[in-house]
């Protein structure tokens, strides 16, 4: 079922999938990270899709644009957490590269969508 506007958005579906990748990844972090890095990366990855959904229910493209910006910031936060995870040897270079590349693709998709929300410039003359 797709009764809500955001459920039809490819970027929302991709963000949901990405969040599940991070959820699975974080399960292998050490237990002492449960309230630190694990919690942070999970909240940030969930915020990507949640902000897309929240923005889609807004009253204007300007408001939606603002929430898309929050999604992009959350994605950047996930990437920073991935850097922490690899520095602490919680993930392999291979896992880092795979998820980092997925984050990059998602970032580009969200940014491209965001560009569709901006008002078009009117040419004079």
PDB file of N, CA and C in Angstrom:
ATOM      1  N   UNK A   1       0.827  -1.179   0.000  1.00  0.00           N
ATOM      2  CA  UNK A   1       0.000   0.000   0.000  1.00  0.00           C
ATOM      3  C   UNK A   1       0.877   1.250   0.000  1.00  0.00           C
ATOM      4  N   UNK A   2       0.451   2.193  -0.770  1.00  0.00           N
ATOM      5  CA  UNK A   2       1.151   3.480  -0.842  1.00  0.00           C
ATOM      6  C   UNK A   2       0.127   4.604  -0.739  1.00  0.00           C
ATOM      7  N   UNK A   3      -0.367   4.827   0.454  1.00  0.00           N
ATOM      8  CA  UNK A   3      -1.381   5.854   0.664  1.00  0.00           C
ATOM      9  C   UNK A   3      -0.789   7.225   0.969  1.00  0.00           C
ATOM     10  N   UNK A   4       0.453   7.260   1.383  1.00  0.00           N
ATOM     11  CA  UNK A   4       1.106   8.520   1.713  1.00  0.00           C
ATOM     12  C   UNK A   4       2.052   8.916   0.586  1.00  0.00           C
ATOM     13  N   UNK A   5       2.180  10.203   0.357  1.00  0.00           N
ATOM     14  CA  UNK A   5       3.003  10.729  -0.726  1.00  0.00           C
ATOM     15  C   UNK A   5       4.434  10.191  -0.659  1.00  0.00           C
ATOM     16  N   UNK A   6       5.018  10.171   0.538  1.00  0.00           N
ATOM     17  CA  UNK A   6       6.415   9.761   0.662  1.00  0.00           C
ATOM     18  C   UNK A   6       6.635   8.291   0.295  1.00  0.00           C
ATOM     19  N   UNK A   7       5.616   7.457   0.446  1.00  0.00           N
ATOM     20  CA  UNK A   7       5.758   6.035   0.142  1.00  0.00           C
ATOM     21  C   UNK A   7       5.987   5.778  -1.342  1.00  0.00           C
ATOM     22  N   UNK A   8       5.654   6.750  -2.164  1.00  0.00           N
ATOM     23  CA  UNK A   8       5.842   6.625  -3.605  1.00  0.00           C
ATOM     24  C   UNK A   8       7.226   7.094  -4.052  1.00  0.00           C
ATOM     25  N   UNK A   9       7.962   7.731  -3.147  1.00  0.00           N
ATOM     26  CA  UNK A   9       9.253   8.310  -3.506  1.00  0.00           C
ATOM     27  C   UNK A   9      10.370   7.274  -3.488  1.00  0.00           C
ATOM     28  N   UNK A  10      11.090   7.194  -4.591  1.00  0.00           N
ATOM     29  CA  UNK A  10      12.221   6.264  -4.684  1.00  0.00           C
ATOM     30  C   UNK A  10      13.289   6.587  -3.643  1.00  0.00           C
ATOM     31  N   UNK A  11      13.509   7.881  -3.356  1.00  0.00           N
ATOM     32  CA  UNK A  11      14.534   8.236  -2.367  1.00  0.00           C
ATOM     33  C   UNK A  11      14.143   7.762  -0.973  1.00  0.00           C
ATOM     34  N   UNK A  12      12.845   7.766  -0.673  1.00  0.00           N
ATOM     35  CA  UNK A  12      12.397   7.267   0.630  1.00  0.00           C
ATOM     36  C   UNK A  12      12.627   5.764   0.723  1.00  0.00           C
ATOM     37  N   UNK A  13      12.287   5.052  -0.344  1.00  0.00           N
ATOM     38  CA  UNK A  13      12.489   3.599  -0.360  1.00  0.00           C
ATOM     39  C   UNK A  13      13.975   3.265  -0.236  1.00  0.00           C
ATOM     40  N   UNK A  14      14.813   4.008  -0.937  1.00  0.00           N
ATOM     41  CA  UNK A  14      16.265   3.791  -0.856  1.00  0.00           C
ATOM     42  C   UNK A  14      16.792   4.106   0.536  1.00  0.00           C
ATOM     43  N   UNK A  15      16.282   5.172   1.126  1.00  0.00           N
ATOM     44  CA  UNK A  15      16.697   5.541   2.481  1.00  0.00           C
ATOM     45  C   UNK A  15      16.262   4.476   3.487  1.00  0.00           C
ATOM     46  N   UNK A  16      15.094   3.896   3.289  1.00  0.00           N
ATOM     47  CA  UNK A  16      14.635   2.812   4.164  1.00  0.00           C
ATOM     48  C   UNK A  16      15.559   1.604   4.047  1.00  0.00           C
ATOM     49  N   UNK A  17      15.918   1.243   2.829  1.00  0.00           N
ATOM     50  CA  UNK A  17      16.841   0.118   2.610  1.00  0.00           C
ATOM     51  C   UNK A  17      18.208   0.399   3.233  1.00  0.00           C
ATOM     52  N   UNK A  18      18.695   1.619   3.052  1.00  0.00           N
ATOM     53  CA  UNK A  18      19.989   1.998   3.613  1.00  0.00           C
ATOM     54  C   UNK A  18      19.960   1.900   5.137  1.00  0.00           C
ATOM     55  N   UNK A  19      18.882   2.347   5.732  1.00  0.00           N
ATOM     56  CA  UNK A  19      18.734   2.259   7.179  1.00  0.00           C
ATOM     57  C   UNK A  19      18.793   0.824   7.676  1.00  0.00           C
ATOM     58  N   UNK A  20      18.218  -0.085   6.925  1.00  0.00           N
ATOM     59  CA  UNK A  20      18.270  -1.493   7.311  1.00  0.00           C
ATOM     60  C   UNK A  20      19.683  -2.058   7.183  1.00  0.00           C
ATOM     61  N   UNK A  21      20.426  -1.603   6.172  1.00  0.00           N
ATOM     62  CA  UNK A  21      21.838  -2.007   6.056  1.00  0.00           C
ATOM     63  C   UNK A  21      22.622  -1.572   7.300  1.00  0.00           C
ATOM     64  N   UNK A  22      22.386  -0.360   7.721  1.00  0.00           N
ATOM     65  CA  UNK A  22      23.090   0.171   8.893  1.00  0.00           C
ATOM     66  C   UNK A  22      22.658  -0.579  10.153  1.00  0.00           C
ATOM     67  N   UNK A  23      21.394  -0.907  10.258  1.00  0.00           N
ATOM     68  CA  UNK A  23      20.893  -1.665  11.402  1.00  0.00           C
ATOM     69  C   UNK A  23      21.628  -3.005  11.521  1.00  0.00           C
ATOM     70  N   UNK A  24      21.734  -3.709  10.398  1.00  0.00           N
ATOM     71  CA  UNK A  24      22.424  -5.002  10.385  1.00  0.00           C
ATOM     72  C   UNK A  24      23.906  -4.814  10.724  1.00  0.00           C
ATOM     73  N   UNK A  25      24.521  -3.804  10.135  1.00  0.00           N
ATOM     74  CA  UNK A  25      25.940  -3.520  10.390  1.00  0.00           C
ATOM     75  C   UNK A  25      26.196  -3.241  11.866  1.00  0.00           C
ATOM     76  N   UNK A  26      25.346  -2.454  12.478  1.00  0.00           N
ATOM     77  CA  UNK A  26      25.573  -2.023  13.859  1.00  0.00           C
ATOM     78  C   UNK A  26      25.449  -3.172  14.862  1.00  0.00           C
ATOM     79  N   UNK A  27      24.782  -4.238  14.480  1.00  0.00           N
ATOM     80  CA  UNK A  27      24.646  -5.387  15.374  1.00  0.00           C
ATOM     81  C   UNK A  27      26.006  -6.010  15.707  1.00  0.00           C
ATOM     82  N   UNK A  28      26.977  -5.811  14.813  1.00  0.00           N
ATOM     83  CA  UNK A  28      28.307  -6.387  15.026  1.00  0.00           C
ATOM     84  C   UNK A  28      29.243  -5.455  15.783  1.00  0.00           C
ATOM     85  N   UNK A  29      28.791  -4.257  16.109  1.00  0.00           N
ATOM     86  CA  UNK A  29      29.625  -3.353  16.904  1.00  0.00           C
ATOM     87  C   UNK A  29      29.742  -3.923  18.318  1.00  0.00           C
ATOM     88  N   UNK A  30      30.829  -3.614  19.003  1.00  0.00           N
ATOM     89  CA  UNK A  30      30.986  -4.108  20.381  1.00  0.00           C
ATOM     90  C   UNK A  30      29.864  -3.613  21.289  1.00  0.00           C
ATOM     91  N   UNK A  31      29.549  -4.395  22.298  1.00  0.00           N
ATOM     92  CA  UNK A  31      28.468  -4.051  23.229  1.00  0.00           C
ATOM     93  C   UNK A  31      28.719  -2.714  23.931  1.00  0.00           C
ATOM     94  N   UNK A  32      29.991  -2.388  24.177  1.00  0.00           N
ATOM     95  CA  UNK A  32      30.270  -1.115  24.865  1.00  0.00           C
ATOM     96  C   UNK A  32      29.922   0.107  24.003  1.00  0.00           C
ATOM     97  N   UNK A  33      29.644  -0.117  22.722  1.00  0.00           N
ATOM     98  CA  UNK A  33      29.242   0.978  21.828  1.00  0.00           C
ATOM     99  C   UNK A  33      27.715   1.129  21.753  1.00  0.00           C
ATOM    100  N   UNK A  34      26.981   0.293  22.480  1.00  0.00           N
ATOM    101  CA  UNK A  34      25.522   0.292  22.385  1.00  0.00           C
ATOM    102  C   UNK A  34      24.925   1.687  22.588  1.00  0.00           C
ATOM    103  N   UNK A  35      25.426   2.435  23.537  1.00  0.00           N
ATOM    104  CA  UNK A  35      24.865   3.759  23.838  1.00  0.00           C
ATOM    105  C   UNK A  35      25.679   4.887  23.220  1.00  0.00           C
ATOM    106  N   UNK A  36      26.674   4.519  22.442  1.00  0.00           N
ATOM    107  CA  UNK A  36      27.510   5.528  21.793  1.00  0.00           C
ATOM    108  C   UNK A  36      27.372   5.423  20.278  1.00  0.00           C
ATOM    109  N   UNK A  37      28.365   4.835  19.641  1.00  0.00           N
ATOM    110  CA  UNK A  37      28.397   4.817  18.180  1.00  0.00           C
ATOM    111  C   UNK A  37      27.232   4.030  17.583  1.00  0.00           C
ATOM    112  N   UNK A  38      26.876   2.910  18.174  1.00  0.00           N
ATOM    113  CA  UNK A  38      25.747   2.122  17.636  1.00  0.00           C
ATOM    114  C   UNK A  38      24.463   2.941  17.646  1.00  0.00           C
ATOM    115  N   UNK A  39      24.186   3.554  18.773  1.00  0.00           N
ATOM    116  CA  UNK A  39      22.983   4.368  18.895  1.00  0.00           C
ATOM    117  C   UNK A  39      23.011   5.547  17.929  1.00  0.00           C
ATOM    118  N   UNK A  40      24.156   6.193  17.814  1.00  0.00           N
ATOM    119  CA  UNK A  40      24.289   7.377  16.963  1.00  0.00           C
ATOM    120  C   UNK A  40      24.067   7.035  15.490  1.00  0.00           C
ATOM    121  N   UNK A  41      24.721   5.975  15.025  1.00  0.00           N
ATOM    122  CA  UNK A  41      24.604   5.624  13.605  1.00  0.00           C
ATOM    123  C   UNK A  41      23.190   5.149  13.272  1.00  0.00           C
ATOM    124  N   UNK A  42      22.539   4.457  14.223  1.00  0.00           N
ATOM    125  CA  UNK A  42      21.165   4.011  13.993  1.00  0.00           C
ATOM    126  C   UNK A  42      20.203   5.188  13.935  1.00  0.00           C
ATOM    127  N   UNK A  43      20.326   6.111  14.869  1.00  0.00           N
ATOM    128  CA  UNK A  43      19.431   7.277  14.873  1.00  0.00           C
ATOM    129  C   UNK A  43      19.628   8.117  13.617  1.00  0.00           C
ATOM    130  N   UNK A  44      20.883   8.301  13.224  1.00  0.00           N
ATOM    131  CA  UNK A  44      21.158   9.105  12.025  1.00  0.00           C
ATOM    132  C   UNK A  44      20.622   8.419  10.768  1.00  0.00           C
ATOM    133  N   UNK A  45      20.825   7.106  10.664  1.00  0.00           N
ATOM    134  CA  UNK A  45      20.354   6.404   9.457  1.00  0.00           C
ATOM    135  C   UNK A  45      18.828   6.379   9.395  1.00  0.00           C
ATOM    136  N   UNK A  46      18.169   6.225  10.537  1.00  0.00           N
ATOM    137  CA  UNK A  46      16.706   6.275  10.543  1.00  0.00           C
ATOM    138  C   UNK A  46      16.197   7.671  10.190  1.00  0.00           C
ATOM    139  N   UNK A  47      16.918   8.686  10.609  1.00  0.00           N
ATOM    140  CA  UNK A  47      16.501  10.074  10.352  1.00  0.00           C
ATOM    141  C   UNK A  47      16.472  10.420   8.873  1.00  0.00           C
ATOM    142  N   UNK A  48      17.249   9.724   8.071  1.00  0.00           N
ATOM    143  CA  UNK A  48      17.258  10.009   6.629  1.00  0.00           C
ATOM    144  C   UNK A  48      15.852   9.802   6.063  1.00  0.00           C
ATOM    145  N   UNK A  49      15.301   8.614   6.248  1.00  0.00           N
ATOM    146  CA  UNK A  49      13.963   8.316   5.721  1.00  0.00           C
ATOM    147  C   UNK A  49      12.871   9.063   6.477  1.00  0.00           C
ATOM    148  N   UNK A  50      13.048   9.202   7.787  1.00  0.00           N
ATOM    149  CA  UNK A  50      12.023   9.882   8.584  1.00  0.00           C
ATOM    150  C   UNK A  50      11.865  11.345   8.174  1.00  0.00           C
ATOM    151  N   UNK A  51      12.952  12.021   7.876  1.00  0.00           N
ATOM    152  CA  UNK A  51      12.856  13.414   7.446  1.00  0.00           C
ATOM    153  C   UNK A  51      12.265  13.548   6.051  1.00  0.00           C
ATOM    154  N   UNK A  52      12.542  12.590   5.182  1.00  0.00           N
ATOM    155  CA  UNK A  52      11.905  12.613   3.860  1.00  0.00           C
ATOM    156  C   UNK A  52      10.394  12.483   4.029  1.00  0.00           C
ATOM    157  N   UNK A  53       9.974  11.548   4.875  1.00  0.00           N
ATOM    158  CA  UNK A  53       8.541  11.346   5.115  1.00  0.00           C
ATOM    159  C   UNK A  53       7.901  12.591   5.724  1.00  0.00           C
ATOM    160  N   UNK A  54       8.550  13.147   6.725  1.00  0.00           N
ATOM    161  CA  UNK A  54       7.994  14.328   7.387  1.00  0.00           C
ATOM    162  C   UNK A  54       7.906  15.511   6.434  1.00  0.00           C
ATOM    163  N   UNK A  55       8.942  15.704   5.638  1.00  0.00           N
ATOM    164  CA  UNK A  55       8.942  16.818   4.681  1.00  0.00           C
ATOM    165  C   UNK A  55       7.889  16.675   3.608  1.00  0.00           C
ATOM    166  N   UNK A  56       7.625  15.440   3.200  1.00  0.00           N
ATOM    167  CA  UNK A  56       6.635  15.194   2.143  1.00  0.00           C
ATOM    168  C   UNK A  56       5.228  15.549   2.576  1.00  0.00           C
ATOM    169  N   UNK A  57       4.997  15.593   3.872  1.00  0.00           N
ATOM    170  CA  UNK A  57       3.658  15.921   4.367  1.00  0.00           C
ATOM    171  C   UNK A  57       3.485  17.416   4.603  1.00  0.00           C
ATOM    172  N   UNK A  58       4.512  18.189   4.288  1.00  0.00           N
ATOM    173  CA  UNK A  58       4.460  19.634   4.507  1.00  0.00           C
ATOM    174  C   UNK A  58       3.565  20.358   3.528  1.00  0.00           C
ATOM    175  N   UNK A  59       3.481  21.644   3.729  1.00  0.00           N
ATOM    176  CA  UNK A  59       2.586  22.472   2.946  1.00  0.00           C
ATOM    177  C   UNK A  59       3.218  23.059   1.687  1.00  0.00           C
ATOM    178  N   UNK A  60       4.557  23.036   1.621  1.00  0.00           N
ATOM    179  CA  UNK A  60       5.193  23.700   0.486  1.00  0.00           C
ATOM    180  C   UNK A  60       6.484  22.986   0.094  1.00  0.00           C
ATOM    181  N   UNK A  61       6.930  23.273  -1.125  1.00  0.00           N
ATOM    182  CA  UNK A  61       8.216  22.740  -1.578  1.00  0.00           C
ATOM    183  C   UNK A  61       9.362  23.303  -0.754  1.00  0.00           C
ATOM    184  N   UNK A  62       9.240  24.540  -0.311  1.00  0.00           N
ATOM    185  CA  UNK A  62      10.290  25.145   0.513  1.00  0.00           C
ATOM    186  C   UNK A  62      10.442  24.376   1.823  1.00  0.00           C
ATOM    187  N   UNK A  63       9.324  24.003   2.407  1.00  0.00           N
ATOM    188  CA  UNK A  63       9.374  23.225   3.652  1.00  0.00           C
ATOM    189  C   UNK A  63       9.946  21.830   3.390  1.00  0.00           C
ATOM    190  N   UNK A  64       9.518  21.202   2.304  1.00  0.00           N
ATOM    191  CA  UNK A  64      10.026  19.881   1.933  1.00  0.00           C
ATOM    192  C   UNK A  64      11.534  19.969   1.701  1.00  0.00           C
ATOM    193  N   UNK A  65      11.954  21.014   1.034  1.00  0.00           N
ATOM    194  CA  UNK A  65      13.377  21.237   0.763  1.00  0.00           C
ATOM    195  C   UNK A  65      14.176  21.286   2.067  1.00  0.00           C
ATOM    196  N   UNK A  66      13.626  21.934   3.071  1.00  0.00           N
ATOM    197  CA  UNK A  66      14.299  22.036   4.365  1.00  0.00           C
ATOM    198  C   UNK A  66      14.484  20.641   4.987  1.00  0.00           C
ATOM    199  N   UNK A  67      13.456  19.815   4.915  1.00  0.00           N
ATOM    200  CA  UNK A  67      13.546  18.470   5.480  1.00  0.00           C
ATOM    201  C   UNK A  67      14.479  17.571   4.666  1.00  0.00           C
ATOM    202  N   UNK A  68      14.530  17.781   3.367  1.00  0.00           N
ATOM    203  CA  UNK A  68      15.491  17.042   2.545  1.00  0.00           C
ATOM    204  C   UNK A  68      16.915  17.412   2.987  1.00  0.00           C
ATOM    205  N   UNK A  69      17.119  18.670   3.328  1.00  0.00           N
ATOM    206  CA  UNK A  69      18.412  19.100   3.867  1.00  0.00           C
ATOM    207  C   UNK A  69      18.746  18.371   5.156  1.00  0.00           C
ATOM    208  N   UNK A  70      17.757  18.179   6.020  1.00  0.00           N
ATOM    209  CA  UNK A  70      17.982  17.421   7.255  1.00  0.00           C
ATOM    210  C   UNK A  70      18.367  15.975   6.928  1.00  0.00           C
ATOM    211  N   UNK A  71      17.741  15.405   5.913  1.00  0.00           N
ATOM    212  CA  UNK A  71      18.073  14.043   5.497  1.00  0.00           C
ATOM    213  C   UNK A  71      19.525  13.951   5.045  1.00  0.00           C
ATOM    214  N   UNK A  72      19.944  14.926   4.260  1.00  0.00           N
ATOM    215  CA  UNK A  72      21.332  14.939   3.786  1.00  0.00           C
ATOM    216  C   UNK A  72      22.314  15.084   4.944  1.00  0.00           C
ATOM    217  N   UNK A  73      21.964  15.903   5.920  1.00  0.00           N
ATOM    218  CA  UNK A  73      22.833  16.054   7.100  1.00  0.00           C
ATOM    219  C   UNK A  73      22.916  14.749   7.879  1.00  0.00           C
ATOM    220  N   UNK A  74      21.810  14.056   8.006  1.00  0.00           N
ATOM    221  CA  UNK A  74      21.807  12.773   8.702  1.00  0.00           C
ATOM    222  C   UNK A  74      22.652  11.745   7.955  1.00  0.00           C
ATOM    223  N   UNK A  75      22.581  11.786   6.637  1.00  0.00           N
ATOM    224  CA  UNK A  75      23.404  10.885   5.833  1.00  0.00           C
ATOM    225  C   UNK A  75      24.888  11.181   6.043  1.00  0.00           C
ATOM    226  N   UNK A  76      25.246  12.452   6.096  1.00  0.00           N
ATOM    227  CA  UNK A  76      26.637  12.824   6.362  1.00  0.00           C
ATOM    228  C   UNK A  76      27.070  12.322   7.744  1.00  0.00           C
ATOM    229  N   UNK A  77      26.154  12.378   8.692  1.00  0.00           N
ATOM    230  CA  UNK A  77      26.445  11.883  10.040  1.00  0.00           C
ATOM    231  C   UNK A  77      26.708  10.380  10.017  1.00  0.00           C
ATOM    232  N   UNK A  78      25.938   9.638   9.233  1.00  0.00           N
ATOM    233  CA  UNK A  78      26.170   8.197   9.099  1.00  0.00           C
ATOM    234  C   UNK A  78      27.566   7.944   8.530  1.00  0.00           C
ATOM    235  N   UNK A  79      27.930   8.694   7.513  1.00  0.00           N
ATOM    236  CA  UNK A  79      29.251   8.517   6.902  1.00  0.00           C
ATOM    237  C   UNK A  79      30.350   8.809   7.919  1.00  0.00           C
ATOM    238  N   UNK A  80      30.191   9.841   8.717  1.00  0.00           N
ATOM    239  CA  UNK A  80      31.176  10.139   9.769  1.00  0.00           C
ATOM    240  C   UNK A  80      31.255   8.982  10.768  1.00  0.00           C
ATOM    241  N   UNK A  81      30.115   8.404  11.105  1.00  0.00           N
ATOM    242  CA  UNK A  81      30.104   7.244  12.008  1.00  0.00           C
ATOM    243  C   UNK A  81      30.806   6.048  11.370  1.00  0.00           C
ATOM    244  N   UNK A  82      30.639   5.871  10.065  1.00  0.00           N
ATOM    245  CA  UNK A  82      31.342   4.790   9.370  1.00  0.00           C
ATOM    246  C   UNK A  82      32.853   4.977   9.475  1.00  0.00           C
ATOM    247  N   UNK A  83      33.295   6.219   9.350  1.00  0.00           N
ATOM    248  CA  UNK A  83      34.731   6.506   9.508  1.00  0.00           C
ATOM    249  C   UNK A  83      35.198   6.153  10.915  1.00  0.00           C
ATOM    250  N   UNK A  84      34.381   6.471  11.914  1.00  0.00           N
ATOM    251  CA  UNK A  84      34.713   6.087  13.294  1.00  0.00           C
ATOM    252  C   UNK A  84      34.800   4.565  13.409  1.00  0.00           C
ATOM    253  N   UNK A  85      33.833   3.874  12.813  1.00  0.00           N
ATOM    254  CA  UNK A  85      33.783   2.412  12.909  1.00  0.00           C
ATOM    255  C   UNK A  85      35.010   1.759  12.283  1.00  0.00           C
ATOM    256  N   UNK A  86      35.448   2.272  11.148  1.00  0.00           N
ATOM    257  CA  UNK A  86      36.623   1.660  10.518  1.00  0.00           C
ATOM    258  C   UNK A  86      37.892   1.993  11.296  1.00  0.00           C
ATOM    259  N   UNK A  87      37.987   3.181  11.852  1.00  0.00           N
ATOM    260  CA  UNK A  87      39.149   3.544  12.664  1.00  0.00           C
ATOM    261  C   UNK A  87      39.246   2.687  13.921  1.00  0.00           C
ATOM    262  N   UNK A  88      38.097   2.258  14.412  1.00  0.00           N
ATOM    263  CA  UNK A  88      38.071   1.441  15.630  1.00  0.00           C
ATOM    264  C   UNK A  88      38.078  -0.058  15.310  1.00  0.00           C
ATOM    265  N   UNK A  89      38.240  -0.368  14.020  1.00  0.00           N
ATOM    266  CA  UNK A  89      38.296  -1.759  13.555  1.00  0.00           C
ATOM    267  C   UNK A  89      37.019  -2.547  13.836  1.00  0.00           C
ATOM    268  N   UNK A  90      35.874  -1.875  13.759  1.00  0.00           N
ATOM    269  CA  UNK A  90      34.593  -2.552  13.934  1.00  0.00           C
ATOM    270  C   UNK A  90      34.085  -3.115  12.608  1.00  0.00           C
ATOM    271  N   UNK A  91      34.573  -2.547  11.509  1.00  0.00           N
ATOM    272  CA  UNK A  91      34.188  -3.003  10.176  1.00  0.00           C
ATOM    273  C   UNK A  91      35.443  -3.136   9.311  1.00  0.00           C
ATOM    274  N   UNK A  92      35.343  -3.942   8.270  1.00  0.00           N
ATOM    275  CA  UNK A  92      36.458  -4.135   7.347  1.00  0.00           C
ATOM    276  C   UNK A  92      36.454  -3.034   6.291  1.00  0.00           C
ATOM    277  N   UNK A  93      37.551  -2.910   5.590  1.00  0.00           N
ATOM    278  CA  UNK A  93      37.631  -1.957   4.477  1.00  0.00           C
ATOM    279  C   UNK A  93      36.589  -2.287   3.420  1.00  0.00           C
ATOM    280  N   UNK A  94      36.362  -3.570   3.186  1.00  0.00           N
ATOM    281  CA  UNK A  94      35.383  -3.997   2.182  1.00  0.00           C
ATOM    282  C   UNK A  94      33.971  -3.558   2.574  1.00  0.00           C
ATOM    283  N   UNK A  95      33.615  -3.775   3.829  1.00  0.00           N
ATOM    284  CA  UNK A  95      32.286  -3.367   4.307  1.00  0.00           C
ATOM    285  C   UNK A  95      32.164  -1.848   4.262  1.00  0.00           C
ATOM    286  N   UNK A  96      33.203  -1.159   4.712  1.00  0.00           N
ATOM    287  CA  UNK A  96      33.192   0.308   4.671  1.00  0.00           C
ATOM    288  C   UNK A  96      32.957   0.794   3.243  1.00  0.00           C
ATOM    289  N   UNK A  97      33.719   0.261   2.305  1.00  0.00           N
ATOM    290  CA  UNK A  97      33.609   0.712   0.902  1.00  0.00           C
ATOM    291  C   UNK A  97      32.216   0.473   0.340  1.00  0.00           C
ATOM    292  N   UNK A  98      31.644  -0.682   0.631  1.00  0.00           N
ATOM    293  CA  UNK A  98      30.309  -0.996   0.115  1.00  0.00           C
ATOM    294  C   UNK A  98      29.271  -0.016   0.652  1.00  0.00           C
ATOM    295  N   UNK A  99      29.269   0.185   1.955  1.00  0.00           N
ATOM    296  CA  UNK A  99      28.252   1.064   2.546  1.00  0.00           C
ATOM    297  C   UNK A  99      28.536   2.520   2.212  1.00  0.00           C
ATOM    298  N   UNK A 100      29.800   2.899   2.163  1.00  0.00           N
ATOM    299  CA  UNK A 100      30.171   4.253   1.774  1.00  0.00           C
ATOM    300  C   UNK A 100      29.671   4.548   0.360  1.00  0.00           C
ATOM    301  N   UNK A 101      29.859   3.610  -0.550  1.00  0.00           N
ATOM    302  CA  UNK A 101      29.383   3.795  -1.925  1.00  0.00           C
ATOM    303  C   UNK A 101      27.859   3.881  -1.973  1.00  0.00           C
ATOM    304  N   UNK A 102      27.186   3.061  -1.176  1.00  0.00           N
ATOM    305  CA  UNK A 102      25.715   3.143  -1.109  1.00  0.00           C
ATOM    306  C   UNK A 102      25.278   4.509  -0.585  1.00  0.00           C
ATOM    307  N   UNK A 103      26.017   5.027   0.399  1.00  0.00           N
ATOM    308  CA  UNK A 103      25.712   6.356   0.947  1.00  0.00           C
ATOM    309  C   UNK A 103      25.900   7.427  -0.114  1.00  0.00           C
ATOM    310  N   UNK A 104      26.942   7.292  -0.912  1.00  0.00           N
ATOM    311  CA  UNK A 104      27.224   8.274  -1.959  1.00  0.00           C
ATOM    312  C   UNK A 104      26.121   8.279  -3.019  1.00  0.00           C
ATOM    313  N   UNK A 105      25.678   7.096  -3.410  1.00  0.00           N
ATOM    314  CA  UNK A 105      24.585   6.993  -4.388  1.00  0.00           C
ATOM    315  C   UNK A 105      23.310   7.602  -3.806  1.00  0.00           C
ATOM    316  N   UNK A 106      23.015   7.288  -2.556  1.00  0.00           N
ATOM    317  CA  UNK A 106      21.826   7.837  -1.908  1.00  0.00           C
ATOM    318  C   UNK A 106      21.914   9.357  -1.805  1.00  0.00           C
ATOM    319  N   UNK A 107      23.078   9.866  -1.444  1.00  0.00           N
ATOM    320  CA  UNK A 107      23.264  11.318  -1.351  1.00  0.00           C
ATOM    321  C   UNK A 107      22.977  11.992  -2.697  1.00  0.00           C
ATOM    322  N   UNK A 108      23.509  11.415  -3.762  1.00  0.00           N
ATOM    323  CA  UNK A 108      23.284  11.997  -5.089  1.00  0.00           C
ATOM    324  C   UNK A 108      21.814  11.937  -5.485  1.00  0.00           C
ATOM    325  N   UNK A 109      21.139  10.860  -5.134  1.00  0.00           N
ATOM    326  CA  UNK A 109      19.710  10.732  -5.438  1.00  0.00           C
ATOM    327  C   UNK A 109      18.889  11.767  -4.678  1.00  0.00           C
ATOM    328  N   UNK A 110      19.201  11.915  -3.401  1.00  0.00           N
ATOM    329  CA  UNK A 110      18.467  12.890  -2.586  1.00  0.00           C
ATOM    330  C   UNK A 110      18.744  14.308  -3.079  1.00  0.00           C
ATOM    331  N   UNK A 111      20.004  14.599  -3.401  1.00  0.00           N
ATOM    332  CA  UNK A 111      20.362  15.936  -3.890  1.00  0.00           C
ATOM    333  C   UNK A 111      19.672  16.235  -5.220  1.00  0.00           C
ATOM    334  N   UNK A 112      19.601  15.243  -6.107  1.00  0.00           N
ATOM    335  CA  UNK A 112      18.917  15.438  -7.395  1.00  0.00           C
ATOM    336  C   UNK A 112      17.432  15.694  -7.169  1.00  0.00           C
ATOM    337  N   UNK A 113      16.832  14.948  -6.252  1.00  0.00           N
ATOM    338  CA  UNK A 113      15.422  15.172  -5.934  1.00  0.00           C
ATOM    339  C   UNK A 113      15.236  16.571  -5.362  1.00  0.00           C
ATOM    340  N   UNK A 114      16.131  16.970  -4.488  1.00  0.00           N
ATOM    341  CA  UNK A 114      16.042  18.300  -3.867  1.00  0.00           C
ATOM    342  C   UNK A 114      16.035  19.397  -4.928  1.00  0.00           C
ATOM    343  N   UNK A 115      16.808  19.201  -5.983  1.00  0.00           N
ATOM    344  CA  UNK A 115      16.860  20.200  -7.064  1.00  0.00           C
ATOM    345  C   UNK A 115      15.516  20.349  -7.775  1.00  0.00           C
ATOM    346  N   UNK A 116      14.688  19.311  -7.741  1.00  0.00           N
ATOM    347  CA  UNK A 116      13.366  19.423  -8.368  1.00  0.00           C
ATOM    348  C   UNK A 116      12.412  20.261  -7.539  1.00  0.00           C
ATOM    349  N   UNK A 117      12.750  20.483  -6.280  1.00  0.00           N
ATOM    350  CA  UNK A 117      11.875  21.250  -5.388  1.00  0.00           C
ATOM    351  C   UNK A 117      12.152  22.752  -5.445  1.00  0.00           C
ATOM    352  N   UNK A 118      13.291  23.120  -6.012  1.00  0.00           N
ATOM    353  CA  UNK A 118      13.655  24.534  -6.063  1.00  0.00           C
ATOM    354  C   UNK A 118      12.863  25.228  -7.159  1.00  0.00           C
ATOM    355  N   UNK A 119      12.459  26.451  -6.902  1.00  0.00           N
ATOM    356  CA  UNK A 119      11.730  27.185  -7.943  1.00  0.00           C
ATOM    357  C   UNK A 119      12.623  27.432  -9.159  1.00  0.00           C
ATOM    358  N   UNK A 120      12.031  27.325 -10.299  1.00  0.00           N
ATOM    359  CA  UNK A 120      12.766  27.554 -11.553  1.00  0.00           C
ATOM    360  C   UNK A 120      12.950  29.053 -11.767  1.00  0.00           C
ATOM    361  N   UNK A 121      14.139  29.419 -12.222  1.00  0.00           N
ATOM    362  CA  UNK A 121      14.410  30.820 -12.530  1.00  0.00           C
ATOM    363  C   UNK A 121      13.643  31.216 -13.787  1.00  0.00           C
ATOM    364  N   UNK A 122      13.082  32.378 -13.775  1.00  0.00           N
ATOM    365  CA  UNK A 122      12.345  32.885 -14.926  1.00  0.00           C
ATOM    366  C   UNK A 122      13.288  33.776 -15.738  1.00  0.00           C
ATOM    367  N   UNK A 123      13.441  33.414 -17.008  1.00  0.00           N
ATOM    368  CA  UNK A 123      14.318  34.212 -17.878  1.00  0.00           C
ATOM    369  C   UNK A 123      13.569  35.433 -18.355  1.00  0.00           C
ATOM    370  N   UNK A 124      14.267  36.561 -18.287  1.00  0.00           N
ATOM    371  CA  UNK A 124      13.679  37.811 -18.751  1.00  0.00           C
ATOM    372  C   UNK A 124      14.143  38.102 -20.170  1.00  0.00           C
ATOM    373  N   UNK A 125      13.262  38.691 -20.883  1.00  0.00           N
ATOM    374  CA  UNK A 125      13.650  39.251 -22.137  1.00  0.00           C
ATOM    375  C   UNK A 125      13.468  38.453 -23.302  1.00  0.00           C
TER     376      UNK A 125
END
